[in-house]
N, C-alpha and C. Protein backbone atom coordinates (compact mmCIF):
# COMPACT_ATOMS: atom_id res chain seq x y z
N MET A 1 1.16 -1.27 0.14
CA MET A 1 0.34 -0.05 0.12
C MET A 1 1.14 1.26 0.00
N SER A 2 0.42 2.38 -0.48
CA SER A 2 1.20 3.65 -0.21
C SER A 2 0.54 4.77 0.45
N GLU A 3 1.12 5.77 0.66
CA GLU A 3 0.27 6.77 1.16
C GLU A 3 -0.63 7.31 0.66
N GLN A 4 -1.71 7.67 0.63
CA GLN A 4 -2.94 8.23 0.24
C GLN A 4 -3.67 9.19 1.12
N LYS A 5 -4.28 10.14 0.12
CA LYS A 5 -5.43 10.92 1.08
C LYS A 5 -6.38 10.80 0.31
N THR A 6 -7.69 10.71 1.16
CA THR A 6 -8.78 10.53 0.95
C THR A 6 -10.09 11.86 1.83
N TYR A 7 -11.25 11.73 1.14
CA TYR A 7 -12.12 12.73 1.88
C TYR A 7 -13.12 11.93 2.34
N THR A 8 -13.44 12.43 3.76
CA THR A 8 -14.46 11.55 4.28
C THR A 8 -15.25 12.70 5.02
N MET A 9 -16.92 12.69 5.30
CA MET A 9 -17.61 13.89 5.78
C MET A 9 -18.19 13.00 6.72
N ILE A 10 -18.24 13.84 7.85
CA ILE A 10 -19.28 13.03 8.99
C ILE A 10 -20.62 13.86 8.83
N LYS A 11 -21.53 13.15 8.61
CA LYS A 11 -22.80 13.89 7.80
C LYS A 11 -23.71 14.31 9.17
N PRO A 12 -24.96 15.19 8.53
CA PRO A 12 -25.99 15.67 9.50
C PRO A 12 -26.28 14.95 11.41
N ASP A 13 -26.33 13.71 10.90
CA ASP A 13 -26.91 13.07 12.02
C ASP A 13 -25.61 12.69 12.90
N GLY A 14 -24.19 12.48 12.31
CA GLY A 14 -23.18 12.20 13.39
C GLY A 14 -23.06 13.48 14.09
N VAL A 15 -22.81 14.83 13.20
CA VAL A 15 -22.94 16.11 13.84
C VAL A 15 -23.34 16.14 14.99
N ARG A 16 -25.12 15.98 14.62
CA ARG A 16 -26.14 16.47 15.86
C ARG A 16 -26.21 15.68 16.86
N ASN A 17 -25.74 14.01 16.58
CA ASN A 17 -25.87 13.39 17.72
C ASN A 17 -24.60 13.26 18.67
N GLY A 18 -23.49 13.98 18.32
CA GLY A 18 -22.51 14.14 18.94
C GLY A 18 -21.24 12.76 19.24
N HIS A 19 -21.06 12.67 17.63
CA HIS A 19 -20.13 11.64 17.30
C HIS A 19 -19.04 12.25 16.53
N VAL A 20 -18.68 13.39 16.60
CA VAL A 20 -17.11 14.03 15.91
C VAL A 20 -16.30 13.37 16.60
N GLY A 21 -16.23 13.70 17.79
CA GLY A 21 -14.70 13.65 18.84
C GLY A 21 -14.57 11.72 18.64
N GLU A 22 -15.22 11.31 18.64
CA GLU A 22 -15.26 9.86 18.65
C GLU A 22 -14.55 8.92 17.52
N ILE A 23 -15.39 9.78 16.14
CA ILE A 23 -15.01 9.36 14.90
C ILE A 23 -13.34 9.57 14.52
N VAL A 24 -13.16 11.06 14.71
CA VAL A 24 -12.00 11.73 14.79
C VAL A 24 -10.59 10.79 15.29
N ASN A 25 -10.96 10.38 16.60
CA ASN A 25 -10.36 9.45 17.59
C ASN A 25 -10.33 8.36 16.94
N ARG A 26 -11.30 7.54 16.27
CA ARG A 26 -10.82 6.03 15.58
C ARG A 26 -9.89 6.41 14.21
N PHE A 27 -9.99 7.42 13.76
CA PHE A 27 -9.36 7.57 12.41
C PHE A 27 -7.87 7.87 12.90
N GLU A 28 -7.58 8.36 13.92
CA GLU A 28 -5.90 8.92 14.69
C GLU A 28 -5.65 7.47 15.18
N ARG A 29 -6.19 6.43 16.01
CA ARG A 29 -6.21 5.27 16.48
C ARG A 29 -5.54 4.34 15.36
N ALA A 30 -6.12 4.74 14.21
CA ALA A 30 -6.13 3.71 13.13
C ALA A 30 -4.70 4.15 12.47
N GLY A 31 -3.85 5.28 13.21
CA GLY A 31 -2.86 5.57 12.20
C GLY A 31 -3.09 6.67 10.95
N LEU A 32 -4.35 7.09 11.10
CA LEU A 32 -4.56 7.97 9.97
C LEU A 32 -4.36 9.71 10.60
N THR A 33 -3.95 10.66 9.56
CA THR A 33 -4.02 11.90 9.88
C THR A 33 -4.95 12.39 9.29
N ILE A 34 -5.75 13.71 10.21
CA ILE A 34 -6.27 14.97 9.71
C ILE A 34 -5.66 15.69 9.03
N GLU A 35 -5.27 16.06 7.97
CA GLU A 35 -4.66 17.03 7.25
C GLU A 35 -5.67 18.44 7.21
N ARG A 36 -6.86 18.09 7.28
CA ARG A 36 -7.60 18.97 6.99
C ARG A 36 -9.27 19.29 7.53
N MET A 37 -9.56 20.15 8.41
CA MET A 37 -10.95 19.52 8.99
C MET A 37 -11.82 21.04 9.03
N GLU A 38 -12.94 20.87 8.66
CA GLU A 38 -13.74 21.99 8.29
C GLU A 38 -15.26 21.86 9.15
N LEU A 39 -15.87 22.42 10.14
CA LEU A 39 -17.30 22.48 9.92
C LEU A 39 -17.75 23.51 9.32
N GLY A 40 -18.94 22.79 8.76
CA GLY A 40 -19.90 23.82 7.65
C GLY A 40 -21.04 22.92 6.93
N MET A 41 -21.96 23.96 6.37
CA MET A 41 -22.65 23.06 5.50
C MET A 41 -22.40 22.72 4.17
N VAL A 42 -22.99 21.61 3.56
CA VAL A 42 -22.67 21.67 2.35
C VAL A 42 -23.36 22.60 1.37
N THR A 43 -23.20 23.25 0.49
CA THR A 43 -24.13 23.47 -0.19
C THR A 43 -24.56 23.15 -1.22
N LEU A 44 -26.08 23.15 -1.96
CA LEU A 44 -26.59 22.88 -3.14
C LEU A 44 -25.70 22.50 -4.05
N ALA A 45 -24.98 23.58 -4.77
CA ALA A 45 -24.49 22.98 -5.80
C ALA A 45 -22.90 21.72 -5.03
N GLN A 46 -22.48 21.50 -4.07
CA GLN A 46 -21.48 20.68 -3.69
C GLN A 46 -22.47 19.42 -3.87
N ALA A 47 -23.42 19.29 -3.04
CA ALA A 47 -24.36 18.05 -2.83
C ALA A 47 -24.41 17.35 -3.73
N GLN A 48 -25.04 18.29 -5.31
CA GLN A 48 -25.26 18.27 -6.74
C GLN A 48 -24.06 17.33 -7.02
N ALA A 49 -22.86 18.10 -7.02
CA ALA A 49 -21.48 17.76 -7.62
C ALA A 49 -21.07 15.92 -7.44
N ASN A 50 -21.05 16.06 -5.30
CA ASN A 50 -20.90 14.78 -4.92
C ASN A 50 -21.53 13.83 -5.14
N TYR A 51 -22.86 13.75 -5.40
CA TYR A 51 -23.72 12.85 -5.72
C TYR A 51 -24.40 12.81 -7.24
N ALA A 52 -23.84 13.37 -8.19
CA ALA A 52 -24.39 13.32 -9.57
C ALA A 52 -24.43 12.13 -10.11
N GLU A 53 -23.73 11.07 -9.66
CA GLU A 53 -24.14 9.58 -10.44
C GLU A 53 -25.39 8.95 -10.02
N HIS A 54 -25.46 9.80 -8.60
CA HIS A 54 -26.95 8.97 -8.42
C HIS A 54 -28.65 10.05 -8.83
N GLU A 55 -28.18 11.03 -9.50
CA GLU A 55 -29.13 11.73 -10.12
C GLU A 55 -30.22 11.11 -10.78
N GLY A 56 -31.35 10.99 -10.80
CA GLY A 56 -32.37 10.57 -11.12
C GLY A 56 -32.69 9.21 -10.56
N LYS A 57 -32.28 8.67 -9.42
CA LYS A 57 -32.86 7.39 -8.72
C LYS A 57 -33.77 7.91 -7.76
N PRO A 58 -34.41 7.13 -7.18
CA PRO A 58 -35.40 7.51 -6.22
C PRO A 58 -35.36 8.50 -5.12
N PHE A 59 -33.97 8.10 -4.40
CA PHE A 59 -33.41 8.53 -3.23
C PHE A 59 -32.65 10.04 -3.38
N TYR A 60 -32.47 10.18 -4.67
CA TYR A 60 -32.07 11.48 -4.51
C TYR A 60 -31.85 12.81 -4.35
N ASP A 61 -33.14 12.92 -4.40
CA ASP A 61 -33.78 14.06 -3.49
C ASP A 61 -34.31 14.42 -2.28
N GLY A 62 -34.14 12.89 -1.89
CA GLY A 62 -33.91 13.09 -0.31
C GLY A 62 -32.53 12.99 0.42
N LEU A 63 -31.80 12.27 -0.50
CA LEU A 63 -30.11 12.30 -0.13
C LEU A 63 -29.65 14.14 -0.14
N ILE A 64 -30.25 14.94 -1.41
CA ILE A 64 -29.57 15.90 -1.42
C ILE A 64 -30.44 16.84 -0.27
N ALA A 65 -31.54 16.36 0.08
CA ALA A 65 -32.09 17.62 1.35
C ALA A 65 -31.49 16.79 2.27
N TYR A 66 -31.09 15.65 2.85
CA TYR A 66 -30.92 15.50 4.03
C TYR A 66 -29.13 15.93 4.18
N ILE A 67 -28.32 15.89 3.25
CA ILE A 67 -26.92 16.04 3.21
C ILE A 67 -26.75 17.70 3.48
N THR A 68 -27.60 18.53 2.80
CA THR A 68 -27.68 20.05 3.20
C THR A 68 -28.65 20.45 4.38
N SER A 69 -28.88 19.27 5.35
CA SER A 69 -29.99 19.94 6.17
C SER A 69 -29.42 20.52 7.37
N GLY A 70 -28.21 20.19 7.64
CA GLY A 70 -27.51 20.57 9.02
C GLY A 70 -25.92 20.68 8.54
N PRO A 71 -25.22 21.20 9.72
CA PRO A 71 -23.76 20.93 9.64
C PRO A 71 -22.94 19.72 9.54
N VAL A 72 -21.68 19.61 8.42
CA VAL A 72 -20.94 18.73 8.48
C VAL A 72 -19.98 18.65 8.75
N VAL A 73 -18.86 17.64 9.09
CA VAL A 73 -17.65 17.96 9.34
C VAL A 73 -16.89 17.33 8.18
N LYS A 74 -16.14 18.07 7.12
CA LYS A 74 -15.71 17.86 6.25
C LYS A 74 -13.98 17.39 6.22
N MET A 75 -13.56 16.38 6.14
CA MET A 75 -11.89 16.19 6.06
C MET A 75 -11.18 15.63 4.89
N VAL A 76 -9.87 15.95 4.73
CA VAL A 76 -9.10 15.54 4.23
C VAL A 76 -8.06 14.22 5.10
N VAL A 77 -8.08 13.10 4.94
CA VAL A 77 -7.63 12.29 5.51
C VAL A 77 -6.57 11.81 4.75
N SER A 78 -5.29 11.29 5.57
CA SER A 78 -4.52 10.51 4.95
C SER A 78 -3.28 9.49 5.50
N GLY A 79 -2.60 8.96 4.93
CA GLY A 79 -2.32 7.76 5.44
C GLY A 79 -1.98 6.66 4.65
N GLU A 80 -1.33 5.53 5.04
CA GLU A 80 -1.21 3.73 4.35
C GLU A 80 -2.15 3.57 4.12
N GLY A 81 -2.69 3.64 2.67
CA GLY A 81 -3.91 2.98 2.19
C GLY A 81 -4.89 3.71 2.91
N ALA A 82 -5.22 4.87 2.88
CA ALA A 82 -6.39 5.85 3.52
C ALA A 82 -7.60 5.22 3.28
N VAL A 83 -7.91 5.29 2.11
CA VAL A 83 -9.21 5.16 1.08
C VAL A 83 -9.90 3.32 2.01
N ALA A 84 -8.89 2.83 1.89
CA ALA A 84 -9.67 1.50 2.37
C ALA A 84 -9.53 1.18 3.68
N LYS A 85 -8.59 1.98 4.26
CA LYS A 85 -8.87 1.91 5.46
C LYS A 85 -9.99 2.50 6.05
N VAL A 86 -10.16 4.01 5.60
CA VAL A 86 -11.48 4.57 6.00
C VAL A 86 -12.51 3.87 5.68
N ARG A 87 -12.85 3.38 4.53
CA ARG A 87 -13.74 2.61 4.26
C ARG A 87 -14.03 1.22 5.37
N THR A 88 -12.92 0.49 5.55
CA THR A 88 -13.10 -0.30 6.49
C THR A 88 -13.65 0.01 8.09
N LEU A 89 -13.12 1.08 8.15
CA LEU A 89 -13.52 2.29 9.57
C LEU A 89 -14.99 2.37 9.62
N MET A 90 -15.58 2.82 8.60
CA MET A 90 -16.83 2.73 8.30
C MET A 90 -17.75 2.01 8.60
N GLY A 91 -17.56 0.96 7.89
CA GLY A 91 -18.66 -0.29 7.97
C GLY A 91 -19.46 -0.43 6.50
N ALA A 92 -20.31 -1.03 6.39
CA ALA A 92 -21.25 -0.97 5.42
C ALA A 92 -22.15 -0.07 5.45
N THR A 93 -22.80 0.34 4.06
CA THR A 93 -23.36 1.39 3.95
C THR A 93 -24.81 1.33 4.73
N ASN A 94 -25.49 0.12 4.51
CA ASN A 94 -26.23 0.10 5.72
C ASN A 94 -26.02 -0.08 6.97
N PRO A 95 -26.63 0.66 8.19
CA PRO A 95 -26.07 0.43 9.19
C PRO A 95 -26.84 -0.91 9.78
N ALA A 96 -27.77 -1.63 9.66
CA ALA A 96 -28.33 -3.00 10.06
C ALA A 96 -27.05 -4.43 9.36
N ASP A 97 -26.49 -3.69 8.59
CA ASP A 97 -25.73 -4.72 7.86
C ASP A 97 -23.86 -4.53 8.49
N ALA A 98 -24.11 -3.19 9.07
CA ALA A 98 -22.37 -2.93 9.78
C ALA A 98 -22.13 -3.69 10.46
N ALA A 99 -20.93 -3.83 10.75
CA ALA A 99 -20.17 -5.32 11.95
C ALA A 99 -20.25 -3.90 13.18
N PRO A 100 -20.57 -4.41 13.82
CA PRO A 100 -20.23 -3.77 15.96
C PRO A 100 -18.61 -3.62 15.76
N GLY A 101 -18.42 -2.15 15.80
CA GLY A 101 -16.94 -1.66 16.24
C GLY A 101 -16.85 -0.41 15.02
N THR A 102 -17.83 -0.78 13.80
CA THR A 102 -17.40 -0.03 12.35
C THR A 102 -18.17 1.21 13.00
N ILE A 103 -18.03 2.33 12.62
CA ILE A 103 -18.44 3.36 12.87
C ILE A 103 -20.15 3.83 12.57
N ARG A 104 -20.44 2.90 11.20
CA ARG A 104 -21.88 3.00 11.06
C ARG A 104 -23.00 1.79 11.92
N GLY A 105 -21.86 1.04 12.21
CA GLY A 105 -22.44 -0.37 13.00
C GLY A 105 -22.47 0.38 14.94
N ASP A 106 -21.97 1.04 14.94
CA ASP A 106 -21.95 1.25 16.61
C ASP A 106 -22.78 2.67 16.38
N PHE A 107 -22.94 3.52 15.63
CA PHE A 107 -23.66 4.95 15.50
C PHE A 107 -24.65 5.01 14.78
N GLY A 108 -24.85 4.24 13.57
CA GLY A 108 -25.65 4.29 12.41
C GLY A 108 -27.01 3.92 12.99
N LEU A 109 -28.44 4.84 12.77
CA LEU A 109 -29.68 4.26 12.55
C LEU A 109 -30.42 3.76 11.55
N ILE A 110 -30.39 4.44 10.40
CA ILE A 110 -31.08 3.96 9.26
C ILE A 110 -29.90 4.08 8.13
N MET A 111 -30.80 3.41 7.17
CA MET A 111 -30.23 3.70 5.72
C MET A 111 -29.58 5.02 5.26
N ASP A 112 -30.49 5.83 5.48
CA ASP A 112 -30.79 7.09 5.04
C ASP A 112 -30.00 8.41 5.88
N GLU A 113 -29.97 7.80 6.97
CA GLU A 113 -28.99 8.69 7.83
C GLU A 113 -27.62 7.79 8.44
N ASN A 114 -26.83 7.58 7.56
CA ASN A 114 -25.57 6.65 7.76
C ASN A 114 -24.48 6.94 8.29
N VAL A 115 -24.46 8.40 9.27
CA VAL A 115 -23.27 9.23 9.69
C VAL A 115 -22.52 9.77 9.12
N ILE A 116 -21.37 8.69 7.76
CA ILE A 116 -20.39 9.30 7.72
C ILE A 116 -20.18 8.64 5.99
N HIS A 117 -19.57 9.84 4.98
CA HIS A 117 -19.51 9.28 3.68
C HIS A 117 -17.97 9.24 3.89
N GLY A 118 -17.44 8.20 2.92
CA GLY A 118 -16.19 8.26 2.61
C GLY A 118 -15.73 7.82 1.37
N SER A 119 -14.60 8.59 0.61
CA SER A 119 -14.67 8.52 -0.93
C SER A 119 -14.15 6.43 -1.25
N ASP A 120 -14.56 6.27 -2.51
CA ASP A 120 -14.52 4.93 -2.68
C ASP A 120 -13.02 4.65 -3.22
N SER A 121 -12.57 5.33 -3.75
CA SER A 121 -11.35 5.12 -4.50
C SER A 121 -10.63 6.57 -4.58
N PRO A 122 -9.08 6.29 -4.84
CA PRO A 122 -8.48 7.50 -5.15
C PRO A 122 -8.67 8.52 -6.13
N ALA A 123 -9.47 8.02 -7.06
CA ALA A 123 -9.66 8.55 -7.85
C ALA A 123 -11.21 9.53 -7.35
N SER A 124 -12.05 9.09 -6.89
CA SER A 124 -13.07 9.77 -6.07
C SER A 124 -12.57 10.45 -5.30
N ALA A 125 -11.46 10.21 -4.45
CA ALA A 125 -11.22 11.13 -3.31
C ALA A 125 -10.82 12.69 -3.62
N GLU A 126 -9.86 12.10 -4.99
CA GLU A 126 -9.40 13.89 -5.58
C GLU A 126 -10.34 14.43 -5.90
N ARG A 127 -11.46 13.92 -6.96
CA ARG A 127 -12.82 14.58 -7.10
C ARG A 127 -13.61 15.42 -5.91
N GLU A 128 -13.77 14.35 -4.93
CA GLU A 128 -14.51 15.07 -3.76
C GLU A 128 -13.63 16.16 -2.86
N ILE A 129 -12.41 15.89 -2.86
CA ILE A 129 -11.48 16.94 -2.24
C ILE A 129 -11.63 18.53 -3.12
N GLY A 130 -11.81 18.20 -4.18
CA GLY A 130 -11.68 19.68 -5.04
C GLY A 130 -13.15 19.83 -5.14
N ILE A 131 -13.98 18.97 -4.90
CA ILE A 131 -15.60 19.65 -4.42
C ILE A 131 -15.58 20.24 -2.88
N PHE A 132 -15.13 19.90 -1.85
CA PHE A 132 -15.00 20.39 -0.80
C PHE A 132 -14.33 21.30 0.02
N PHE A 133 -13.00 21.00 -0.77
CA PHE A 133 -11.82 22.21 -0.36
C PHE A 133 -10.96 22.91 -1.23
N ASN A 134 -11.61 23.57 -2.51
CA ASN A 134 -11.39 23.90 -3.85
C ASN A 134 -10.29 24.94 -3.02
């Protein structure tokens, strides 16, 4: 594996329910470095750019409304194999399928509000970092 950067975002439910500190701590305990972190709102344009591949799907409008509904924590995280490491720490997309000990397994309640987003590849990470930290 090699040193990578990835993008991750603690979603509105994760911020609202007070999980930011624990999530950041899990990243750091896993040997990852938080290079940049910002609390703020996702703009409509950022949401549409980030989730463009889902446009036209039945859940798209709800996803856009949810991700823009409250503050999020946007992060650039780096380390050896950062993309895969963050995805493992996050757990399965559906919290009902996420293993205990993963972020979604411990804090996620429903599929539509699953606590955290993370890039699924180095190319996605580069694109998403550009969307949120131009």
